[in-house]
C-alpha atoms as a PDB file:
ATOM      1  CA  ILE A   1     -11.237 -13.279  10.512  1.00  0.00           C
ATOM      2  CA  MET A   2     -11.996 -16.633   8.898  1.00  0.00           C
ATOM      3  CA  PHE A   3     -10.333 -18.214   5.886  1.00  0.00           C
ATOM      4  CA  SER A   4     -12.039 -21.351   4.651  1.00  0.00           C
ATOM      5  CA  ALA A   5     -11.620 -23.646   1.655  1.00  0.00           C
ATOM      6  CA  GLY A   6     -11.810 -27.308   0.803  1.00  0.00           C
ATOM      7  CA  ASP A   7      -9.888 -29.470  -1.657  1.00  0.00           C
ATOM      8  CA  ALA A   8      -8.728 -32.904  -0.589  1.00  0.00           C
ATOM      9  CA  PHE A   9      -6.237 -33.187  -3.464  1.00  0.00           C
ATOM     10  CA  ALA A  10      -4.261 -29.946  -3.205  1.00  0.00           C
ATOM     11  CA  THR A  11      -3.218 -27.208  -0.821  1.00  0.00           C
ATOM     12  CA  ALA A  12      -6.504 -25.518  -0.021  1.00  0.00           C
ATOM     13  CA  ILE A  13      -5.057 -22.587   1.957  1.00  0.00           C
ATOM     14  CA  ARG A  14      -1.538 -21.154   2.003  1.00  0.00           C
ATOM     15  CA  HIS A  15      -1.103 -18.262   4.459  1.00  0.00           C
ATOM     16  CA  GLU A  16       2.170 -16.377   4.011  1.00  0.00           C
ATOM     17  CA  GLY A  17       1.415 -12.843   5.187  1.00  0.00           C
ATOM     18  CA  SER A  18       0.046 -11.320   8.356  1.00  0.00           C
ATOM     19  CA  ALA A  19      -3.494 -11.609   9.738  1.00  0.00           C
ATOM     20  CA  ARG A  20      -4.539  -9.651  12.830  1.00  0.00           C
ATOM     21  CA  ALA A  21      -7.831 -10.052  14.672  1.00  0.00           C
ATOM     22  CA  GLY A  22      -9.135  -8.468  17.843  1.00  0.00           C
ATOM     23  CA  ARG A  23     -10.928 -11.593  18.922  1.00  0.00           C
ATOM     24  CA  SER A  24     -10.687 -14.645  16.670  1.00  0.00           C
ATOM     25  CA  ALA A  25      -8.816 -15.899  13.578  1.00  0.00           C
ATOM     26  CA  ARG A  26      -9.748 -19.230  11.994  1.00  0.00           C
ATOM     27  CA  VAL A  27      -8.092 -20.967   9.065  1.00  0.00           C
ATOM     28  CA  HIS A  28     -10.254 -23.984   8.251  1.00  0.00           C
ATOM     29  CA  SER A  29     -10.337 -26.364   5.309  1.00  0.00           C
ATOM     30  CA  ASP A  30     -12.874 -29.141   4.941  1.00  0.00           C
ATOM     31  CA  GLY A  31     -10.595 -31.960   3.841  1.00  0.00           C
ATOM     32  CA  GLY A  32      -7.811 -29.869   2.236  1.00  0.00           C
ATOM     33  CA  ARG A  33      -4.223 -29.124   3.261  1.00  0.00           C
ATOM     34  CA  ILE A  34      -3.305 -25.914   5.106  1.00  0.00           C
ATOM     35  CA  GLU A  35       0.165 -24.352   5.053  1.00  0.00           C
ATOM     36  CA  VAL A  36       1.068 -21.423   7.307  1.00  0.00           C
ATOM     37  CA  SER A  37       4.372 -19.592   6.996  1.00  0.00           C
ATOM     38  CA  GLY A  38       3.210 -16.117   8.039  1.00  0.00           C
ATOM     39  CA  GLU A  39       1.829 -14.716  11.273  1.00  0.00           C
ATOM     40  CA  ILE A  40      -1.636 -14.915  12.752  1.00  0.00           C
ATOM     41  CA  LEU A  41      -2.295 -12.652  15.735  1.00  0.00           C
ATOM     42  CA  ALA A  42      -5.473 -12.499  17.836  1.00  0.00           C
ATOM     43  CA  GLY A  43      -6.089 -10.504  20.989  1.00  0.00           C
ATOM     44  CA  ASN A  44      -7.271  -7.173  22.358  1.00  0.00           C
ATOM     45  CA  GLN A  45      -6.730  -5.009  25.428  1.00  0.00           C
ATOM     46  CA  SER A  46      -8.991  -7.210  27.572  1.00  0.00           C
ATOM     47  CA  GLY A  47      -7.153 -10.468  26.847  1.00  0.00           C
ATOM     48  CA  GLY A  48      -5.802 -12.971  24.387  1.00  0.00           C
ATOM     49  CA  GLY A  49      -7.787 -14.116  21.368  1.00  0.00           C
ATOM     50  CA  ARG A  50      -8.555 -17.427  19.722  1.00  0.00           C
ATOM     51  CA  ILE A  51      -6.658 -18.940  16.774  1.00  0.00           C
ATOM     52  CA  GLU A  52      -7.717 -22.147  15.030  1.00  0.00           C
ATOM     53  CA  VAL A  53      -5.666 -23.639  12.202  1.00  0.00           C
ATOM     54  CA  GLY A  54      -7.097 -26.765  10.586  1.00  0.00           C
ATOM     55  CA  GLY A  55      -9.795 -27.544  13.131  1.00  0.00           C
ATOM     56  CA  THR A  56     -11.037 -26.877  16.629  1.00  0.00           C
ATOM     57  CA  ASP A  57     -10.548 -28.310  20.119  1.00  0.00           C
ATOM     58  CA  GLN A  58      -9.979 -32.075  19.952  1.00  0.00           C
ATOM     59  CA  GLY A  59     -11.640 -32.238  16.534  1.00  0.00           C
ATOM     60  CA  GLY A  60     -14.990 -30.825  17.639  1.00  0.00           C
ATOM     61  CA  GLU A  61     -17.989 -32.340  15.895  1.00  0.00           C
ATOM     62  CA  GLY A  62     -19.474 -30.445  12.961  1.00  0.00           C
ATOM     63  CA  VAL A  63     -16.404 -28.250  12.377  1.00  0.00           C
ATOM     64  CA  PRO A  64     -14.430 -28.533   9.109  1.00  0.00           C
ATOM     65  CA  ALA A  65     -11.150 -30.414   9.538  1.00  0.00           C
ATOM     66  CA  ALA A  66      -8.053 -30.149   7.352  1.00  0.00           C
ATOM     67  CA  SER A  67      -6.525 -33.299   5.909  1.00  0.00           C
ATOM     68  CA  SER A  68      -3.087 -32.025   7.024  1.00  0.00           C
ATOM     69  CA  VAL A  69      -1.490 -28.878   8.446  1.00  0.00           C
ATOM     70  CA  ARG A  70       2.052 -27.560   8.121  1.00  0.00           C
ATOM     71  CA  GLY A  71       3.272 -24.655  10.263  1.00  0.00           C
ATOM     72  CA  ALA A  72       6.636 -23.633   8.775  1.00  0.00           C
ATOM     73  CA  ASP A  73       9.652 -22.445  10.800  1.00  0.00           C
ATOM     74  CA  SER A  74       8.544 -18.869  10.116  1.00  0.00           C
ATOM     75  CA  ALA A  75       4.941 -19.421  11.289  1.00  0.00           C
ATOM     76  CA  VAL A  76       3.871 -17.303  14.278  1.00  0.00           C
ATOM     77  CA  LEU A  77       0.555 -18.035  15.996  1.00  0.00           C
ATOM     78  CA  ASP A  78       0.144 -15.489  18.773  1.00  0.00           C
ATOM     79  CA  ALA A  79      -2.992 -15.246  20.927  1.00  0.00           C
ATOM     80  CA  SER A  80      -1.282 -13.401  23.773  1.00  0.00           C
ATOM     81  CA  ALA A  81      -2.975 -10.667  25.757  1.00  0.00           C
ATOM     82  CA  PRO A  82      -1.448  -7.363  24.554  1.00  0.00           C
ATOM     83  CA  GLY A  83      -2.644  -5.477  27.654  1.00  0.00           C
ATOM     84  CA  ALA A  84      -4.174  -7.039  30.745  1.00  0.00           C
ATOM     85  CA  GLY A  85      -6.052 -10.318  31.044  1.00  0.00           C
ATOM     86  CA  ASP A  86      -5.604 -14.005  30.415  1.00  0.00           C
ATOM     87  CA  GLY A  87      -3.680 -15.550  27.558  1.00  0.00           C
ATOM     88  CA  GLY A  88      -5.658 -16.801  24.587  1.00  0.00           C
ATOM     89  CA  HIS A  89      -6.432 -20.112  22.933  1.00  0.00           C
ATOM     90  CA  VAL A  90      -4.522 -21.683  19.999  1.00  0.00           C
ATOM     91  CA  VAL A  91      -5.442 -24.920  18.211  1.00  0.00           C
ATOM     92  CA  VAL A  92      -3.420 -26.496  15.380  1.00  0.00           C
ATOM     93  CA  SER A  93      -5.194 -29.659  14.277  1.00  0.00           C
ATOM     94  CA  SER A  94      -5.825 -31.972  11.340  1.00  0.00           C
ATOM     95  CA  ASP A  95      -7.270 -35.377  10.571  1.00  0.00           C
ATOM     96  CA  GLY A  96      -3.872 -36.507   9.245  1.00  0.00           C
ATOM     97  CA  GLN A  97      -0.322 -35.239   9.698  1.00  0.00           C
ATOM     98  CA  THR A  98       0.147 -32.027  11.706  1.00  0.00           C
ATOM     99  CA  GLU A  99       3.593 -30.421  11.429  1.00  0.00           C
ATOM    100  CA  MET A 100       4.409 -27.491  13.729  1.00  0.00           C
ATOM    101  CA  TYR A 101       7.885 -26.018  13.303  1.00  0.00           C
ATOM    102  CA  GLY A 102       7.016 -22.391  14.110  1.00  0.00           C
ATOM    103  CA  SER A 103       5.970 -20.744  17.363  1.00  0.00           C
ATOM    104  CA  ILE A 104       2.774 -20.632  19.411  1.00  0.00           C
ATOM    105  CA  SER A 105       2.216 -17.960  22.069  1.00  0.00           C
ATOM    106  CA  ALA A 106      -0.736 -17.423  24.391  1.00  0.00           C
ATOM    107  CA  LEU A 107       0.893 -15.415  27.179  1.00  0.00           C
ATOM    108  CA  ALA A 108      -1.096 -13.509  29.781  1.00  0.00           C
ATOM    109  CA  GLY A 109      -1.070  -9.764  30.213  1.00  0.00           C
ATOM    110  CA  ALA A 110      -0.850  -7.992  33.563  1.00  0.00           C
ATOM    111  CA  GLY A 111      -2.621  -9.974  36.281  1.00  0.00           C
ATOM    112  CA  GLY A 112      -3.705 -12.776  33.947  1.00  0.00           C
ATOM    113  CA  ILE A 113      -3.291 -16.537  33.645  1.00  0.00           C
ATOM    114  CA  GLY A 114      -1.389 -18.212  30.831  1.00  0.00           C
ATOM    115  CA  GLY A 115      -3.365 -19.461  27.842  1.00  0.00           C
ATOM    116  CA  PHE A 116      -4.078 -22.778  26.124  1.00  0.00           C
ATOM    117  CA  ALA A 117      -2.476 -24.516  23.139  1.00  0.00           C
ATOM    118  CA  GLU A 118      -3.419 -27.765  21.427  1.00  0.00           C
ATOM    119  CA  VAL A 119      -1.449 -29.483  18.678  1.00  0.00           C
ATOM    120  CA  SER A 120      -3.175 -32.618  17.426  1.00  0.00           C
ATOM    121  CA  GLY A 121      -3.526 -34.960  14.478  1.00  0.00           C
ATOM    122  CA  HIS A 122      -3.170 -38.600  13.567  1.00  0.00           C
ATOM    123  CA  GLU A 123       0.589 -37.895  13.510  1.00  0.00           C
ATOM    124  CA  VAL A 124       2.253 -34.843  15.077  1.00  0.00           C
ATOM    125  CA  ILE A 125       5.705 -33.641  14.017  1.00  0.00           C
ATOM    126  CA  PHE A 126       7.719 -30.880  15.697  1.00  0.00           C
ATOM    127  CA  GLY A 127      11.051 -29.398  14.669  1.00  0.00           C
ATOM    128  CA  PRO A 128      14.340 -31.035  15.659  1.00  0.00           C
ATOM    129  CA  GLY A 129      14.557 -28.847  18.762  1.00  0.00           C
ATOM    130  CA  GLY A 130      11.074 -29.827  19.968  1.00  0.00           C
ATOM    131  CA  TRP A 131       8.332 -27.276  20.220  1.00  0.00           C
ATOM    132  CA  ASN A 132       8.371 -23.507  20.621  1.00  0.00           C
ATOM    133  CA  ILE A 133       5.256 -22.956  22.729  1.00  0.00           C
ATOM    134  CA  MET A 134       5.014 -20.070  25.200  1.00  0.00           C
ATOM    135  CA  LEU A 135       1.984 -20.082  27.485  1.00  0.00           C
ATOM    136  CA  GLY A 136       3.277 -18.760  30.794  1.00  0.00           C
ATOM    137  CA  SER A 137       2.312 -19.573  34.358  1.00  0.00           C
ATOM    138  CA  GLY A 138      -1.041 -21.308  34.634  1.00  0.00           C
ATOM    139  CA  GLY A 139      -1.055 -22.140  30.921  1.00  0.00           C
ATOM    140  CA  HIS A 140      -2.113 -25.503  29.538  1.00  0.00           C
ATOM    141  CA  PHE A 141      -0.630 -27.473  26.604  1.00  0.00           C
ATOM    142  CA  LEU A 142      -2.491 -30.425  25.048  1.00  0.00           C
ATOM    143  CA  LEU A 143      -0.675 -32.737  22.639  1.00  0.00           C
ATOM    144  CA  GLY A 144      -3.014 -35.197  20.967  1.00  0.00           C
ATOM    145  CA  PRO A 145      -1.395 -37.535  18.435  1.00  0.00           C
ATOM    146  CA  GLY A 146      -1.857 -41.258  17.942  1.00  0.00           C
ATOM    147  CA  ASP A 147       0.982 -43.423  19.276  1.00  0.00           C
ATOM    148  CA  GLN A 148       3.504 -41.422  21.267  1.00  0.00           C
ATOM    149  CA  VAL A 149       6.908 -42.364  22.731  1.00  0.00           C
ATOM    150  CA  ILE A 150       8.348 -40.127  25.447  1.00  0.00           C
ATOM    151  CA  ASP A 151      12.099 -40.440  24.959  1.00  0.00           C
ATOM    152  CA  ALA A 152      14.822 -38.544  26.860  1.00  0.00           C
ATOM    153  CA  ALA A 153      14.556 -35.446  24.612  1.00  0.00           C
ATOM    154  CA  MET A 154      10.778 -35.232  24.947  1.00  0.00           C
ATOM    155  CA  ALA A 155      10.969 -35.901  28.700  1.00  0.00           C
ATOM    156  CA  GLY A 156      13.379 -32.954  29.008  1.00  0.00           C
ATOM    157  CA  ILE A 157      10.957 -30.684  27.147  1.00  0.00           C
ATOM    158  CA  ILE A 158       8.049 -31.813  29.351  1.00  0.00           C
ATOM    159  CA  ILE A 159      10.120 -31.159  32.491  1.00  0.00           C
ATOM    160  CA  SER A 160      11.074 -27.638  31.362  1.00  0.00           C
ATOM    161  CA  THR A 161       7.430 -26.925  30.414  1.00  0.00           C
ATOM    162  CA  LEU A 162       6.190 -28.029  33.843  1.00  0.00           C
ATOM    163  CA  THR A 163       8.998 -26.183  35.649  1.00  0.00           C
ATOM    164  CA  ALA A 164       7.919 -22.958  33.874  1.00  0.00           C
ATOM    165  CA  GLY A 165       4.461 -23.317  35.434  1.00  0.00           C
ATOM    166  CA  THR A 166       2.598 -24.572  32.351  1.00  0.00           C
ATOM    167  CA  ASP A 167       0.413 -27.681  32.623  1.00  0.00           C
ATOM    168  CA  TYR A 168       1.052 -30.435  30.078  1.00  0.00           C
ATOM    169  CA  THR A 169      -1.457 -33.026  28.841  1.00  0.00           C
ATOM    170  CA  LEU A 170      -0.677 -35.853  26.435  1.00  0.00           C
ATOM    171  CA  THR A 171      -3.642 -37.716  24.941  1.00  0.00           C
ATOM    172  CA  THR A 172      -3.948 -40.333  22.251  1.00  0.00           C
ATOM    173  CA  SER A 173      -6.766 -41.049  19.859  1.00  0.00           C
ATOM    174  CA  GLY A 174      -7.194 -43.687  17.199  1.00  0.00           C
ATOM    175  CA  ALA A 175      -9.623 -43.993  14.330  1.00  0.00           C
ATOM    176  CA  GLY A 176     -12.523 -46.308  15.107  1.00  0.00           C
ATOM    177  CA  GLY A 177     -11.389 -49.137  17.341  1.00  0.00           C
ATOM    178  CA  ASP A 178      -7.675 -48.758  16.569  1.00  0.00           C
ATOM    179  CA  ALA A 179      -5.453 -49.097  19.648  1.00  0.00           C
ATOM    180  CA  VAL A 180      -3.066 -46.253  20.439  1.00  0.00           C
ATOM    181  CA  ASN A 181      -0.294 -46.105  23.027  1.00  0.00           C
ATOM    182  CA  ILE A 182       1.719 -43.703  25.142  1.00  0.00           C
ATOM    183  CA  THR A 183       5.116 -45.242  25.923  1.00  0.00           C
ATOM    184  CA  VAL A 184       7.172 -43.572  28.677  1.00  0.00           C
ATOM    185  CA  ALA A 185      10.748 -44.576  27.853  1.00  0.00           C
ATOM    186  CA  SER A 186      12.469 -41.950  30.027  1.00  0.00           C
ATOM    187  CA  ALA A 187      11.874 -40.641  33.547  1.00  0.00           C
ATOM    188  CA  ILE A 188       9.948 -37.392  34.077  1.00  0.00           C
ATOM    189  CA  GLU A 189      10.984 -35.866  37.409  1.00  0.00           C
ATOM    190  CA  VAL A 190      10.158 -32.279  38.398  1.00  0.00           C
END
């Protein structure tokens, strides 16, 4: 399933319902805003699927990129394996502000390894309680905003993510030669 549109001055895509795909679901906009308040599910009996909202892994070259993405509280992005196999792959990305208040799941089925989730943008905003990302043991979470400060609340979330067996990666990226920083203002001890 692929939804695609482009309009830099308005909401290009607003997904409020339910989309189910056996393998892959992509919601792309070349320069427009994307809003998701419904559910997007991808996976089949052999493993989890792939979901892309706004862009692809670390802003892959040649792929349309949304100007901004908003995942509402009610948004559900689930690329879990419904049967056996590894968890899937979920990317929520934009060239501007990426807001993710809903949930991301890429859990493994029987005998599988947890999946992958990336949330990236020039600025990344999560809900007041942090993020709701379920990847399971062996999963991998990539957070890729610009400047990032790891305060006590974020350190606690990172610790609980690592304790659950999910890897955690924090990267920064700036436009052109702009400097970006990761500031660790609280201890992370597992």
